[in-house]
């Protein structure tokens, strides 16, 4: 996955955690997922890898029935 793809996914995830008025890049920087140049950090890469691993995981909150 390219850096651009990782950054896009980080910003997409960050959107769920921030107030609408907050800049996504600044929020991701503040959480340590992007560096000052807008590149993914090791923590950012680990975040995306963990989220990618959730694709096959069943949600415990899924309503059955």
PDB file of N, CA and C in Angstrom:
ATOM      1  N   UNK A   1       0.854  -1.162   0.000  1.00  0.00           N
ATOM      2  CA  UNK A   1       0.000   0.000   0.000  1.00  0.00           C
ATOM      3  C   UNK A   1       0.911   1.239   0.000  1.00  0.00           C
ATOM      4  N   UNK A   2       0.590   2.207  -0.837  1.00  0.00           N
ATOM      5  CA  UNK A   2       1.418   3.403  -0.947  1.00  0.00           C
ATOM      6  C   UNK A   2       1.194   4.345   0.239  1.00  0.00           C
ATOM      7  N   UNK A   3       2.128   5.260   0.439  1.00  0.00           N
ATOM      8  CA  UNK A   3       1.970   6.263   1.491  1.00  0.00           C
ATOM      9  C   UNK A   3       0.687   7.056   1.306  1.00  0.00           C
ATOM     10  N   UNK A   4       0.370   7.400   0.049  1.00  0.00           N
ATOM     11  CA  UNK A   4      -0.853   8.161  -0.219  1.00  0.00           C
ATOM     12  C   UNK A   4      -2.094   7.376   0.203  1.00  0.00           C
ATOM     13  N   UNK A   5      -2.110   6.086  -0.062  1.00  0.00           N
ATOM     14  CA  UNK A   5      -3.236   5.247   0.351  1.00  0.00           C
ATOM     15  C   UNK A   5      -3.349   5.190   1.869  1.00  0.00           C
ATOM     16  N   UNK A   6      -2.215   5.051   2.535  1.00  0.00           N
ATOM     17  CA  UNK A   6      -2.211   4.992   3.998  1.00  0.00           C
ATOM     18  C   UNK A   6      -2.705   6.304   4.579  1.00  0.00           C
ATOM     19  N   UNK A   7      -2.206   7.424   4.053  1.00  0.00           N
ATOM     20  CA  UNK A   7      -2.641   8.742   4.542  1.00  0.00           C
ATOM     21  C   UNK A   7      -4.142   8.911   4.343  1.00  0.00           C
ATOM     22  N   UNK A   8      -4.637   8.514   3.193  1.00  0.00           N
ATOM     23  CA  UNK A   8      -6.065   8.623   2.912  1.00  0.00           C
ATOM     24  C   UNK A   8      -6.886   7.829   3.920  1.00  0.00           C
ATOM     25  N   UNK A   9      -6.437   6.644   4.238  1.00  0.00           N
ATOM     26  CA  UNK A   9      -7.151   5.800   5.199  1.00  0.00           C
ATOM     27  C   UNK A   9      -7.055   6.369   6.613  1.00  0.00           C
ATOM     28  N   UNK A  10      -5.889   6.904   6.959  1.00  0.00           N
ATOM     29  CA  UNK A  10      -5.734   7.536   8.274  1.00  0.00           C
ATOM     30  C   UNK A  10      -6.698   8.707   8.395  1.00  0.00           C
ATOM     31  N   UNK A  11      -6.751   9.545   7.377  1.00  0.00           N
ATOM     32  CA  UNK A  11      -7.639  10.710   7.422  1.00  0.00           C
ATOM     33  C   UNK A  11      -9.108  10.278   7.441  1.00  0.00           C
ATOM     34  N   UNK A  12      -9.429   9.228   6.722  1.00  0.00           N
ATOM     35  CA  UNK A  12     -10.791   8.712   6.742  1.00  0.00           C
ATOM     36  C   UNK A  12     -11.192   8.229   8.125  1.00  0.00           C
ATOM     37  N   UNK A  13     -10.286   7.517   8.792  1.00  0.00           N
ATOM     38  CA  UNK A  13     -10.569   7.048  10.146  1.00  0.00           C
ATOM     39  C   UNK A  13     -10.644   8.217  11.116  1.00  0.00           C
ATOM     40  N   UNK A  14      -9.747   9.173  10.959  1.00  0.00           N
ATOM     41  CA  UNK A  14      -9.718  10.341  11.836  1.00  0.00           C
ATOM     42  C   UNK A  14     -11.027  11.114  11.763  1.00  0.00           C
ATOM     43  N   UNK A  15     -11.662  11.120  10.593  1.00  0.00           N
ATOM     44  CA  UNK A  15     -12.935  11.830  10.413  1.00  0.00           C
ATOM     45  C   UNK A  15     -13.981  11.352  11.420  1.00  0.00           C
ATOM     46  N   UNK A  16     -13.952  10.068  11.780  1.00  0.00           N
ATOM     47  CA  UNK A  16     -14.921   9.536  12.730  1.00  0.00           C
ATOM     48  C   UNK A  16     -14.649   9.975  14.166  1.00  0.00           C
ATOM     49  N   UNK A  17     -13.454  10.460  14.423  1.00  0.00           N
ATOM     50  CA  UNK A  17     -13.054  10.779  15.795  1.00  0.00           C
ATOM     51  C   UNK A  17     -13.024  12.265  16.109  1.00  0.00           C
ATOM     52  N   UNK A  18     -13.220  13.104  15.116  1.00  0.00           N
ATOM     53  CA  UNK A  18     -13.022  14.534  15.314  1.00  0.00           C
ATOM     54  C   UNK A  18     -14.310  15.317  15.148  1.00  0.00           C
ATOM     55  N   UNK A  19     -14.285  16.510  15.677  1.00  0.00           N
ATOM     56  CA  UNK A  19     -15.368  17.475  15.488  1.00  0.00           C
ATOM     57  C   UNK A  19     -15.304  17.969  14.048  1.00  0.00           C
ATOM     58  N   UNK A  20     -16.436  18.267  13.469  1.00  0.00           N
ATOM     59  CA  UNK A  20     -16.505  18.665  12.058  1.00  0.00           C
ATOM     60  C   UNK A  20     -15.629  19.879  11.738  1.00  0.00           C
ATOM     61  N   UNK A  21     -15.423  20.758  12.700  1.00  0.00           N
ATOM     62  CA  UNK A  21     -14.633  21.969  12.461  1.00  0.00           C
ATOM     63  C   UNK A  21     -13.129  21.717  12.552  1.00  0.00           C
ATOM     64  N   UNK A  22     -12.729  20.584  13.101  1.00  0.00           N
ATOM     65  CA  UNK A  22     -11.310  20.281  13.280  1.00  0.00           C
ATOM     66  C   UNK A  22     -10.699  19.790  11.977  1.00  0.00           C
ATOM     67  N   UNK A  23      -9.507  20.260  11.666  1.00  0.00           N
ATOM     68  CA  UNK A  23      -8.804  19.808  10.461  1.00  0.00           C
ATOM     69  C   UNK A  23      -8.318  18.385  10.676  1.00  0.00           C
ATOM     70  N   UNK A  24      -8.623  17.540   9.709  1.00  0.00           N
ATOM     71  CA  UNK A  24      -8.270  16.127   9.828  1.00  0.00           C
ATOM     72  C   UNK A  24      -6.772  15.914   9.921  1.00  0.00           C
ATOM     73  N   UNK A  25      -6.002  16.637   9.107  1.00  0.00           N
ATOM     74  CA  UNK A  25      -4.548  16.445   9.132  1.00  0.00           C
ATOM     75  C   UNK A  25      -3.961  16.846  10.480  1.00  0.00           C
ATOM     76  N   UNK A  26      -4.499  17.900  11.079  1.00  0.00           N
ATOM     77  CA  UNK A  26      -4.005  18.329  12.388  1.00  0.00           C
ATOM     78  C   UNK A  26      -4.402  17.336  13.477  1.00  0.00           C
ATOM     79  N   UNK A  27      -5.606  16.793  13.365  1.00  0.00           N
ATOM     80  CA  UNK A  27      -6.054  15.790  14.336  1.00  0.00           C
ATOM     81  C   UNK A  27      -5.191  14.535  14.249  1.00  0.00           C
ATOM     82  N   UNK A  28      -4.890  14.086  13.027  1.00  0.00           N
ATOM     83  CA  UNK A  28      -4.050  12.903  12.849  1.00  0.00           C
ATOM     84  C   UNK A  28      -2.620  13.171  13.318  1.00  0.00           C
ATOM     85  N   UNK A  29      -2.134  14.369  13.088  1.00  0.00           N
ATOM     86  CA  UNK A  29      -0.811  14.762  13.581  1.00  0.00           C
ATOM     87  C   UNK A  29      -0.794  14.726  15.112  1.00  0.00           C
ATOM     88  N   UNK A  30      -1.827  15.276  15.711  1.00  0.00           N
ATOM     89  CA  UNK A  30      -1.916  15.300  17.174  1.00  0.00           C
ATOM     90  C   UNK A  30      -1.991  13.917  17.793  1.00  0.00           C
ATOM     91  N   UNK A  31      -2.518  12.969  17.064  1.00  0.00           N
ATOM     92  CA  UNK A  31      -2.604  11.593  17.561  1.00  0.00           C
ATOM     93  C   UNK A  31      -1.358  10.782  17.222  1.00  0.00           C
ATOM     94  N   UNK A  32      -0.431  11.403  16.481  1.00  0.00           N
ATOM     95  CA  UNK A  32       0.823  10.723  16.154  1.00  0.00           C
ATOM     96  C   UNK A  32       0.730   9.798  14.959  1.00  0.00           C
ATOM     97  N   UNK A  33      -0.344   9.908  14.169  1.00  0.00           N
ATOM     98  CA  UNK A  33      -0.514   9.031  13.019  1.00  0.00           C
ATOM     99  C   UNK A  33       0.123   9.595  11.761  1.00  0.00           C
ATOM    100  N   UNK A  34       0.292  10.918  11.701  1.00  0.00           N
ATOM    101  CA  UNK A  34       0.994  11.583  10.604  1.00  0.00           C
ATOM    102  C   UNK A  34       2.110  12.423  11.193  1.00  0.00           C
ATOM    103  N   UNK A  35       3.187  12.601  10.423  1.00  0.00           N
ATOM    104  CA  UNK A  35       4.264  13.471  10.883  1.00  0.00           C
ATOM    105  C   UNK A  35       4.000  14.902  10.410  1.00  0.00           C
ATOM    106  N   UNK A  36       4.905  15.800  10.721  1.00  0.00           N
ATOM    107  CA  UNK A  36       4.733  17.217  10.387  1.00  0.00           C
ATOM    108  C   UNK A  36       4.688  17.474   8.886  1.00  0.00           C
ATOM    109  N   UNK A  37       5.133  16.509   8.085  1.00  0.00           N
ATOM    110  CA  UNK A  37       5.118  16.644   6.633  1.00  0.00           C
ATOM    111  C   UNK A  37       3.918  15.937   5.994  1.00  0.00           C
ATOM    112  N   UNK A  38       3.032  15.398   6.838  1.00  0.00           N
ATOM    113  CA  UNK A  38       1.849  14.719   6.333  1.00  0.00           C
ATOM    114  C   UNK A  38       2.072  13.283   5.911  1.00  0.00           C
ATOM    115  N   UNK A  39       3.216  12.718   6.307  1.00  0.00           N
ATOM    116  CA  UNK A  39       3.522  11.317   5.984  1.00  0.00           C
ATOM    117  C   UNK A  39       3.102  10.418   7.147  1.00  0.00           C
ATOM    118  N   UNK A  40       2.740   9.187   6.851  1.00  0.00           N
ATOM    119  CA  UNK A  40       2.342   8.286   7.932  1.00  0.00           C
ATOM    120  C   UNK A  40       3.525   7.925   8.829  1.00  0.00           C
ATOM    121  N   UNK A  41       3.271   7.923  10.122  1.00  0.00           N
ATOM    122  CA  UNK A  41       4.272   7.492  11.098  1.00  0.00           C
ATOM    123  C   UNK A  41       4.153   5.978  11.268  1.00  0.00           C
ATOM    124  N   UNK A  42       5.031   5.410  12.047  1.00  0.00           N
ATOM    125  CA  UNK A  42       4.936   3.980  12.353  1.00  0.00           C
ATOM    126  C   UNK A  42       3.613   3.682  13.062  1.00  0.00           C
ATOM    127  N   UNK A  43       3.201   4.582  13.974  1.00  0.00           N
ATOM    128  CA  UNK A  43       1.914   4.395  14.652  1.00  0.00           C
ATOM    129  C   UNK A  43       0.758   4.472  13.663  1.00  0.00           C
ATOM    130  N   UNK A  44       0.858   5.371  12.692  1.00  0.00           N
ATOM    131  CA  UNK A  44      -0.174   5.478  11.666  1.00  0.00           C
ATOM    132  C   UNK A  44      -0.258   4.227  10.821  1.00  0.00           C
ATOM    133  N   UNK A  45       0.895   3.700  10.451  1.00  0.00           N
ATOM    134  CA  UNK A  45       0.926   2.456   9.674  1.00  0.00           C
ATOM    135  C   UNK A  45       0.344   1.298  10.493  1.00  0.00           C
ATOM    136  N   UNK A  46       0.687   1.256  11.778  1.00  0.00           N
ATOM    137  CA  UNK A  46       0.160   0.196  12.647  1.00  0.00           C
ATOM    138  C   UNK A  46      -1.356   0.319  12.788  1.00  0.00           C
ATOM    139  N   UNK A  47      -1.858   1.543  12.872  1.00  0.00           N
ATOM    140  CA  UNK A  47      -3.303   1.768  12.953  1.00  0.00           C
ATOM    141  C   UNK A  47      -4.003   1.175  11.730  1.00  0.00           C
ATOM    142  N   UNK A  48      -3.510   1.510  10.554  1.00  0.00           N
ATOM    143  CA  UNK A  48      -4.139   1.036   9.329  1.00  0.00           C
ATOM    144  C   UNK A  48      -4.019  -0.478   9.206  1.00  0.00           C
ATOM    145  N   UNK A  49      -2.902  -1.021   9.585  1.00  0.00           N
ATOM    146  CA  UNK A  49      -2.747  -2.480   9.544  1.00  0.00           C
ATOM    147  C   UNK A  49      -3.747  -3.140  10.486  1.00  0.00           C
ATOM    148  N   UNK A  50      -3.929  -2.571  11.674  1.00  0.00           N
ATOM    149  CA  UNK A  50      -4.898  -3.124  12.625  1.00  0.00           C
ATOM    150  C   UNK A  50      -6.319  -3.016  12.076  1.00  0.00           C
ATOM    151  N   UNK A  51      -6.638  -1.896  11.451  1.00  0.00           N
ATOM    152  CA  UNK A  51      -7.969  -1.728  10.877  1.00  0.00           C
ATOM    153  C   UNK A  51      -8.192  -2.680   9.713  1.00  0.00           C
ATOM    154  N   UNK A  52      -7.172  -2.893   8.918  1.00  0.00           N
ATOM    155  CA  UNK A  52      -7.291  -3.841   7.799  1.00  0.00           C
ATOM    156  C   UNK A  52      -7.544  -5.250   8.320  1.00  0.00           C
ATOM    157  N   UNK A  53      -6.971  -5.568   9.469  1.00  0.00           N
ATOM    158  CA  UNK A  53      -7.174  -6.879  10.069  1.00  0.00           C
ATOM    159  C   UNK A  53      -8.591  -7.078  10.582  1.00  0.00           C
ATOM    160  N   UNK A  54      -9.347  -6.006  10.721  1.00  0.00           N
ATOM    161  CA  UNK A  54     -10.723  -6.089  11.201  1.00  0.00           C
ATOM    162  C   UNK A  54     -11.701  -6.505  10.112  1.00  0.00           C
ATOM    163  N   UNK A  55     -11.263  -6.492   8.855  1.00  0.00           N
ATOM    164  CA  UNK A  55     -12.161  -6.821   7.746  1.00  0.00           C
ATOM    165  C   UNK A  55     -12.840  -8.174   7.927  1.00  0.00           C
ATOM    166  N   UNK A  56     -12.122  -9.128   8.465  1.00  0.00           N
ATOM    167  CA  UNK A  56     -12.665 -10.481   8.593  1.00  0.00           C
ATOM    168  C   UNK A  56     -13.180 -10.773  10.000  1.00  0.00           C
ATOM    169  N   UNK A  57     -13.106  -9.796  10.878  1.00  0.00           N
ATOM    170  CA  UNK A  57     -13.523 -10.002  12.261  1.00  0.00           C
ATOM    171  C   UNK A  57     -15.005  -9.710  12.410  1.00  0.00           C
ATOM    172  N   UNK A  58     -15.697 -10.562  13.094  1.00  0.00           N
ATOM    173  CA  UNK A  58     -17.125 -10.336  13.339  1.00  0.00           C
ATOM    174  C   UNK A  58     -17.280  -9.332  14.458  1.00  0.00           C
ATOM    175  N   UNK A  59     -18.246  -8.493  14.330  1.00  0.00           N
ATOM    176  CA  UNK A  59     -18.523  -7.500  15.356  1.00  0.00           C
ATOM    177  C   UNK A  59     -19.315  -8.126  16.493  1.00  0.00           C
ATOM    178  N   UNK A  60     -18.908  -7.835  17.706  1.00  0.00           N
ATOM    179  CA  UNK A  60     -19.679  -8.337  18.846  1.00  0.00           C
ATOM    180  C   UNK A  60     -20.976  -7.558  19.018  1.00  0.00           C
ATOM    181  N   UNK A  61     -21.082  -6.444  18.310  1.00  0.00           N
ATOM    182  CA  UNK A  61     -22.274  -5.618  18.421  1.00  0.00           C
ATOM    183  C   UNK A  61     -23.305  -5.896  17.333  1.00  0.00           C
ATOM    184  N   UNK A  62     -22.989  -6.803  16.441  1.00  0.00           N
ATOM    185  CA  UNK A  62     -23.904  -7.120  15.354  1.00  0.00           C
ATOM    186  C   UNK A  62     -25.177  -7.741  15.908  1.00  0.00           C
ATOM    187  N   UNK A  63     -26.298  -7.214  15.479  1.00  0.00           N
ATOM    188  CA  UNK A  63     -27.584  -7.738  15.921  1.00  0.00           C
ATOM    189  C   UNK A  63     -27.952  -8.940  15.039  1.00  0.00           C
ATOM    190  N   UNK A  64     -28.282 -10.018  15.671  1.00  0.00           N
ATOM    191  CA  UNK A  64     -28.672 -11.219  14.948  1.00  0.00           C
ATOM    192  C   UNK A  64     -30.165 -11.428  15.182  1.00  0.00           C
ATOM    193  N   UNK A  65     -30.841 -11.663  14.075  1.00  0.00           N
ATOM    194  CA  UNK A  65     -32.138 -12.093  14.229  1.00  0.00           C
ATOM    195  C   UNK A  65     -33.343 -11.415  14.004  1.00  0.00           C
TER     196      UNK A  65
END
